[in-house]
Each structure stands twice: as structure tokens, then as C-alpha cells.
Amino acid sequence: MRGWWRTGGCNLWFKTSGVYTVDDDELYLLLSSLIDTEDIRLEPSALAGVAGPVRLFKEPAGQKYLEANNLKHKTSNATHIAWATGGSMVPAEVMASYYKKGLNIPVTRK
């Protein structure tokens, strides 16, 4: 795994303090929710960054991370930026299928 982080002579392994993964269902659910609430269309993978703050502040693992890294006192001044690209490159019919897929995922799923 360490080899993957070596990019352009920079070793990102030592500059990254935490990671998480997002399953496809969550991406499609986020996609449909973003379209419904903000009328913003992004490709599914662009939504992976949106899940981070929720996990960090609402899930036990996120709270543990904040405590272990002495960050709890700094969160009131935190800014989260999600690098969101690609929505305009997705053909309309493909985006419609992504949206429909997201609508069919139960919101109560964890």
C-alpha cells in the first residue's frame, strides 16, 4: 500500500493522517440528495469527499480520531472542502440513471 502513496517524488504516506472508504450505494444516495436539495450534478466518485465531515463528527471512529489527534478543540474553526468535479462531463441519460439508482436506496441504511 505504501507504494501507491508515492507520487511525483513526494511521499504522501507521511502527510496523510486518516482515510475512509465510501460504498457505491452511499455515493448514489448522496448524488440524488444533492440534486434534490441543491440542483448540483456531480459524478458519483466526486461525492466521496462529502461523506468525510459526517463520519468525522457523527461516527464513533471519527470522534476517536479527533480525540487521538488532539483536534476536538479545533473543530469549531474547521472548513471542509470537497473536490467535486465531473458532473458536466456525464451524459444526461447516464446522470438520470445514477439519480434513479440513488432514489431507490433506502435512506435509513447506514
N, C-alpha and C. Protein backbone atom coordinates (compact mmCIF):
# COMPACT_ATOMS: atom_id res chain seq x y z
N MET A 1 0.81 -1.20 0.00
CA MET A 1 0.00 0.00 0.00
C MET A 1 0.85 1.26 0.00
N ARG A 2 1.97 1.23 0.67
CA ARG A 2 2.80 2.43 0.74
C ARG A 2 3.23 2.90 -0.65
N GLY A 3 3.48 1.98 -1.57
CA GLY A 3 3.91 2.36 -2.91
C GLY A 3 2.89 3.22 -3.63
N TRP A 4 1.61 2.99 -3.38
CA TRP A 4 0.57 3.77 -4.03
C TRP A 4 0.65 5.24 -3.65
N TRP A 5 1.08 5.52 -2.45
CA TRP A 5 1.12 6.90 -1.97
C TRP A 5 2.31 7.68 -2.50
N ARG A 6 3.27 7.02 -3.09
CA ARG A 6 4.45 7.72 -3.60
C ARG A 6 4.13 8.28 -4.98
N THR A 7 4.04 9.59 -5.07
CA THR A 7 3.64 10.24 -6.30
C THR A 7 4.55 11.43 -6.57
N GLY A 8 5.14 11.49 -7.75
CA GLY A 8 5.94 12.65 -8.13
C GLY A 8 7.05 12.99 -7.16
N GLY A 9 7.69 12.00 -6.57
CA GLY A 9 8.78 12.24 -5.65
C GLY A 9 8.33 12.65 -4.24
N CYS A 10 7.05 12.78 -4.04
CA CYS A 10 6.53 13.19 -2.73
C CYS A 10 5.90 11.97 -2.06
N ASN A 11 6.27 11.71 -0.84
CA ASN A 11 5.72 10.57 -0.13
C ASN A 11 4.50 11.01 0.67
N LEU A 12 3.31 10.78 0.11
CA LEU A 12 2.08 11.21 0.76
C LEU A 12 1.72 10.37 1.98
N TRP A 13 2.32 9.21 2.11
CA TRP A 13 2.03 8.34 3.26
C TRP A 13 2.25 9.09 4.57
N PHE A 14 3.30 9.88 4.64
CA PHE A 14 3.63 10.59 5.87
C PHE A 14 2.88 11.90 6.02
N LYS A 15 2.15 12.31 4.99
CA LYS A 15 1.39 13.55 5.04
C LYS A 15 -0.10 13.29 5.19
N THR A 16 -0.50 12.03 5.20
CA THR A 16 -1.90 11.66 5.32
C THR A 16 -2.13 11.09 6.71
N SER A 17 -3.07 11.66 7.44
CA SER A 17 -3.28 11.18 8.80
C SER A 17 -4.52 10.31 8.96
N GLY A 18 -5.39 10.31 7.98
CA GLY A 18 -6.59 9.49 8.09
C GLY A 18 -7.23 9.27 6.73
N VAL A 19 -7.87 8.13 6.56
CA VAL A 19 -8.56 7.81 5.31
C VAL A 19 -9.88 7.11 5.65
N TYR A 20 -10.78 7.07 4.67
CA TYR A 20 -12.03 6.32 4.81
C TYR A 20 -12.46 5.88 3.43
N THR A 21 -13.37 4.94 3.38
CA THR A 21 -13.92 4.48 2.11
C THR A 21 -15.43 4.72 2.10
N VAL A 22 -15.98 4.79 0.90
CA VAL A 22 -17.41 5.01 0.73
C VAL A 22 -17.92 3.98 -0.27
N ASP A 23 -18.99 3.26 0.07
CA ASP A 23 -19.50 2.27 -0.87
C ASP A 23 -20.38 2.96 -1.93
N ASP A 24 -20.59 2.26 -3.02
CA ASP A 24 -21.32 2.82 -4.16
C ASP A 24 -22.72 3.29 -3.79
N ASP A 25 -23.43 2.52 -2.98
CA ASP A 25 -24.79 2.92 -2.59
C ASP A 25 -24.80 4.29 -1.92
N GLU A 26 -23.83 4.52 -1.06
CA GLU A 26 -23.77 5.82 -0.38
C GLU A 26 -23.50 6.94 -1.38
N LEU A 27 -22.65 6.68 -2.37
CA LEU A 27 -22.36 7.69 -3.39
C LEU A 27 -23.61 8.05 -4.18
N TYR A 28 -24.38 7.03 -4.59
CA TYR A 28 -25.60 7.28 -5.35
C TYR A 28 -26.67 7.98 -4.50
N LEU A 29 -26.74 7.63 -3.24
CA LEU A 29 -27.68 8.30 -2.34
C LEU A 29 -27.30 9.77 -2.18
N LEU A 30 -26.02 10.04 -2.00
CA LEU A 30 -25.55 11.42 -1.90
C LEU A 30 -25.82 12.19 -3.19
N LEU A 31 -25.60 11.53 -4.33
CA LEU A 31 -25.84 12.16 -5.62
C LEU A 31 -27.29 12.60 -5.78
N SER A 32 -28.22 11.71 -5.50
CA SER A 32 -29.63 12.07 -5.65
C SER A 32 -30.04 13.13 -4.63
N SER A 33 -29.51 13.08 -3.43
CA SER A 33 -29.82 14.08 -2.42
C SER A 33 -29.29 15.46 -2.82
N LEU A 34 -28.10 15.50 -3.38
CA LEU A 34 -27.51 16.77 -3.80
C LEU A 34 -28.30 17.39 -4.95
N ILE A 35 -28.75 16.57 -5.87
CA ILE A 35 -29.58 17.07 -6.97
C ILE A 35 -30.89 17.62 -6.41
N ASP A 36 -31.52 16.88 -5.51
CA ASP A 36 -32.81 17.31 -4.95
C ASP A 36 -32.71 18.58 -4.10
N THR A 37 -31.63 18.72 -3.35
CA THR A 37 -31.54 19.85 -2.43
C THR A 37 -30.86 21.08 -3.02
N GLU A 38 -29.86 20.86 -3.88
CA GLU A 38 -29.07 21.98 -4.40
C GLU A 38 -29.08 22.11 -5.92
N ASP A 39 -29.69 21.15 -6.61
CA ASP A 39 -29.69 21.12 -8.07
C ASP A 39 -28.27 21.12 -8.64
N ILE A 40 -27.39 20.37 -7.97
CA ILE A 40 -26.00 20.23 -8.40
C ILE A 40 -25.79 18.78 -8.82
N ARG A 41 -25.19 18.60 -9.99
CA ARG A 41 -24.94 17.26 -10.52
C ARG A 41 -23.43 16.99 -10.55
N LEU A 42 -23.03 15.95 -9.83
CA LEU A 42 -21.64 15.54 -9.79
C LEU A 42 -21.56 14.07 -10.16
N GLU A 43 -20.41 13.65 -10.65
CA GLU A 43 -20.25 12.22 -10.88
C GLU A 43 -20.18 11.53 -9.52
N PRO A 44 -20.60 10.27 -9.44
CA PRO A 44 -20.66 9.60 -8.14
C PRO A 44 -19.35 9.66 -7.34
N SER A 45 -18.22 9.44 -7.98
CA SER A 45 -16.96 9.41 -7.23
C SER A 45 -16.63 10.76 -6.61
N ALA A 46 -17.13 11.85 -7.19
CA ALA A 46 -16.88 13.18 -6.63
C ALA A 46 -17.57 13.37 -5.28
N LEU A 47 -18.56 12.54 -4.99
CA LEU A 47 -19.29 12.66 -3.72
C LEU A 47 -18.56 12.00 -2.56
N ALA A 48 -17.48 11.29 -2.82
CA ALA A 48 -16.76 10.61 -1.74
C ALA A 48 -16.27 11.60 -0.68
N GLY A 49 -15.86 12.78 -1.10
CA GLY A 49 -15.38 13.78 -0.16
C GLY A 49 -16.46 14.39 0.71
N VAL A 50 -17.70 14.28 0.29
CA VAL A 50 -18.82 14.86 1.04
C VAL A 50 -19.10 14.05 2.31
N ALA A 51 -18.82 12.78 2.28
CA ALA A 51 -19.11 11.91 3.43
C ALA A 51 -18.15 12.13 4.59
N GLY A 52 -16.99 12.70 4.34
CA GLY A 52 -15.97 12.86 5.36
C GLY A 52 -16.39 13.60 6.62
N PRO A 53 -16.96 14.80 6.50
CA PRO A 53 -17.33 15.53 7.72
C PRO A 53 -18.37 14.80 8.56
N VAL A 54 -19.30 14.14 7.90
CA VAL A 54 -20.32 13.39 8.65
C VAL A 54 -19.65 12.29 9.46
N ARG A 55 -18.76 11.56 8.83
CA ARG A 55 -18.07 10.48 9.54
C ARG A 55 -17.19 11.02 10.66
N LEU A 56 -16.53 12.12 10.40
CA LEU A 56 -15.62 12.69 11.39
C LEU A 56 -16.35 13.19 12.63
N PHE A 57 -17.49 13.84 12.43
CA PHE A 57 -18.18 14.46 13.55
C PHE A 57 -19.32 13.64 14.14
N LYS A 58 -19.86 12.67 13.41
CA LYS A 58 -21.04 11.94 13.88
C LYS A 58 -20.80 10.47 14.21
N GLU A 59 -19.72 9.89 13.72
CA GLU A 59 -19.49 8.46 13.96
C GLU A 59 -18.44 8.25 15.04
N PRO A 60 -18.55 7.17 15.79
CA PRO A 60 -17.58 6.89 16.86
C PRO A 60 -16.13 6.87 16.38
N ALA A 61 -15.87 6.31 15.22
CA ALA A 61 -14.49 6.26 14.71
C ALA A 61 -13.95 7.67 14.45
N GLY A 62 -14.81 8.55 13.96
CA GLY A 62 -14.41 9.94 13.73
C GLY A 62 -14.11 10.66 15.02
N GLN A 63 -14.95 10.45 16.02
CA GLN A 63 -14.73 11.06 17.33
C GLN A 63 -13.42 10.55 17.95
N LYS A 64 -13.18 9.27 17.79
CA LYS A 64 -11.94 8.67 18.31
C LYS A 64 -10.73 9.29 17.61
N TYR A 65 -10.84 9.49 16.30
CA TYR A 65 -9.75 10.11 15.53
C TYR A 65 -9.48 11.53 16.04
N LEU A 66 -10.54 12.31 16.23
CA LEU A 66 -10.38 13.69 16.71
C LEU A 66 -9.71 13.72 18.08
N GLU A 67 -10.12 12.81 18.96
CA GLU A 67 -9.54 12.76 20.30
C GLU A 67 -8.09 12.30 20.26
N ALA A 68 -7.81 11.25 19.48
CA ALA A 68 -6.46 10.70 19.40
C ALA A 68 -5.45 11.69 18.82
N ASN A 69 -5.94 12.59 17.98
CA ASN A 69 -5.05 13.58 17.35
C ASN A 69 -5.18 14.97 17.95
N ASN A 70 -5.82 15.04 19.12
CA ASN A 70 -5.97 16.29 19.86
C ASN A 70 -6.56 17.41 18.98
N LEU A 71 -7.64 17.08 18.28
CA LEU A 71 -8.26 18.03 17.34
C LEU A 71 -9.63 18.53 17.78
N LYS A 72 -10.19 17.96 18.82
CA LYS A 72 -11.56 18.35 19.23
C LYS A 72 -11.69 19.85 19.46
N HIS A 73 -10.71 20.46 20.06
CA HIS A 73 -10.79 21.89 20.37
C HIS A 73 -10.63 22.78 19.13
N LYS A 74 -10.24 22.20 18.01
CA LYS A 74 -10.02 22.98 16.79
C LYS A 74 -11.18 22.88 15.79
N THR A 75 -12.16 22.05 16.06
CA THR A 75 -13.20 21.79 15.06
C THR A 75 -14.17 22.95 14.86
N SER A 76 -14.30 23.84 15.82
CA SER A 76 -15.24 24.95 15.64
C SER A 76 -14.78 25.92 14.55
N ASN A 77 -13.51 25.85 14.20
CA ASN A 77 -12.96 26.73 13.18
C ASN A 77 -12.56 25.95 11.92
N ALA A 78 -13.10 24.75 11.77
CA ALA A 78 -12.72 23.88 10.65
C ALA A 78 -13.51 24.23 9.38
N THR A 79 -12.87 24.03 8.25
CA THR A 79 -13.51 24.18 6.94
C THR A 79 -13.28 22.89 6.17
N HIS A 80 -14.33 22.34 5.60
CA HIS A 80 -14.20 21.12 4.80
C HIS A 80 -14.43 21.47 3.34
N ILE A 81 -13.49 21.08 2.49
CA ILE A 81 -13.60 21.32 1.06
C ILE A 81 -13.65 19.97 0.36
N ALA A 82 -14.69 19.76 -0.43
CA ALA A 82 -14.81 18.54 -1.23
C ALA A 82 -14.45 18.90 -2.66
N TRP A 83 -13.46 18.23 -3.21
CA TRP A 83 -13.05 18.47 -4.59
C TRP A 83 -14.07 17.79 -5.48
N ALA A 84 -15.00 18.55 -6.00
CA ALA A 84 -16.13 17.99 -6.74
C ALA A 84 -16.04 18.35 -8.22
N THR A 85 -15.75 17.36 -9.04
CA THR A 85 -15.59 17.59 -10.47
C THR A 85 -16.39 16.58 -11.27
N GLY A 86 -16.52 16.82 -12.54
CA GLY A 86 -17.01 15.81 -13.47
C GLY A 86 -18.48 15.75 -13.77
N GLY A 87 -19.32 16.45 -13.06
CA GLY A 87 -20.75 16.35 -13.31
C GLY A 87 -21.16 16.79 -14.70
N SER A 88 -20.52 17.82 -15.21
CA SER A 88 -20.88 18.32 -16.53
C SER A 88 -20.40 17.40 -17.65
N MET A 89 -19.52 16.49 -17.33
CA MET A 89 -18.99 15.57 -18.34
C MET A 89 -19.83 14.30 -18.47
N VAL A 90 -20.74 14.09 -17.55
CA VAL A 90 -21.57 12.89 -17.56
C VAL A 90 -22.78 13.13 -18.48
N PRO A 91 -22.99 12.27 -19.48
CA PRO A 91 -24.16 12.43 -20.35
C PRO A 91 -25.46 12.43 -19.54
N ALA A 92 -26.43 13.21 -19.99
CA ALA A 92 -27.70 13.39 -19.26
C ALA A 92 -28.38 12.06 -18.95
N GLU A 93 -28.39 11.13 -19.90
CA GLU A 93 -29.07 9.85 -19.67
C GLU A 93 -28.34 9.01 -18.62
N VAL A 94 -27.03 9.13 -18.57
CA VAL A 94 -26.26 8.40 -17.56
C VAL A 94 -26.51 9.03 -16.18
N MET A 95 -26.51 10.36 -16.13
CA MET A 95 -26.78 11.05 -14.86
C MET A 95 -28.18 10.69 -14.35
N ALA A 96 -29.14 10.60 -15.27
CA ALA A 96 -30.51 10.23 -14.88
C ALA A 96 -30.53 8.83 -14.27
N SER A 97 -29.73 7.92 -14.82
CA SER A 97 -29.69 6.56 -14.26
C SER A 97 -29.03 6.55 -12.88
N TYR A 98 -27.99 7.37 -12.69
CA TYR A 98 -27.36 7.50 -11.38
C TYR A 98 -28.37 8.05 -10.36
N TYR A 99 -29.10 9.07 -10.77
CA TYR A 99 -30.09 9.71 -9.91
C TYR A 99 -31.16 8.70 -9.49
N LYS A 100 -31.67 7.96 -10.46
CA LYS A 100 -32.70 6.96 -10.17
C LYS A 100 -32.17 5.89 -9.22
N LYS A 101 -30.93 5.48 -9.44
CA LYS A 101 -30.31 4.49 -8.55
C LYS A 101 -30.27 5.01 -7.12
N GLY A 102 -29.91 6.28 -6.95
CA GLY A 102 -29.86 6.88 -5.62
C GLY A 102 -31.22 6.97 -4.96
N LEU A 103 -32.25 7.25 -5.76
CA LEU A 103 -33.60 7.34 -5.21
C LEU A 103 -34.10 6.00 -4.70
N ASN A 104 -33.60 4.92 -5.27
CA ASN A 104 -34.05 3.57 -4.89
C ASN A 104 -33.31 2.99 -3.69
N ILE A 105 -32.37 3.73 -3.13
CA ILE A 105 -31.63 3.27 -1.96
C ILE A 105 -32.33 3.79 -0.71
N PRO A 106 -32.67 2.91 0.21
CA PRO A 106 -33.36 3.35 1.44
C PRO A 106 -32.50 4.35 2.23
N VAL A 107 -33.08 5.45 2.61
CA VAL A 107 -32.36 6.49 3.35
C VAL A 107 -31.96 6.00 4.73
N THR A 108 -32.67 5.04 5.26
CA THR A 108 -32.38 4.54 6.61
C THR A 108 -31.15 3.64 6.66
N ARG A 109 -30.60 3.26 5.51
CA ARG A 109 -29.42 2.40 5.53
C ARG A 109 -28.25 3.16 6.12
N LYS A 110 -27.37 2.44 6.79
CA LYS A 110 -26.23 3.07 7.45
C LYS A 110 -25.04 3.13 6.55
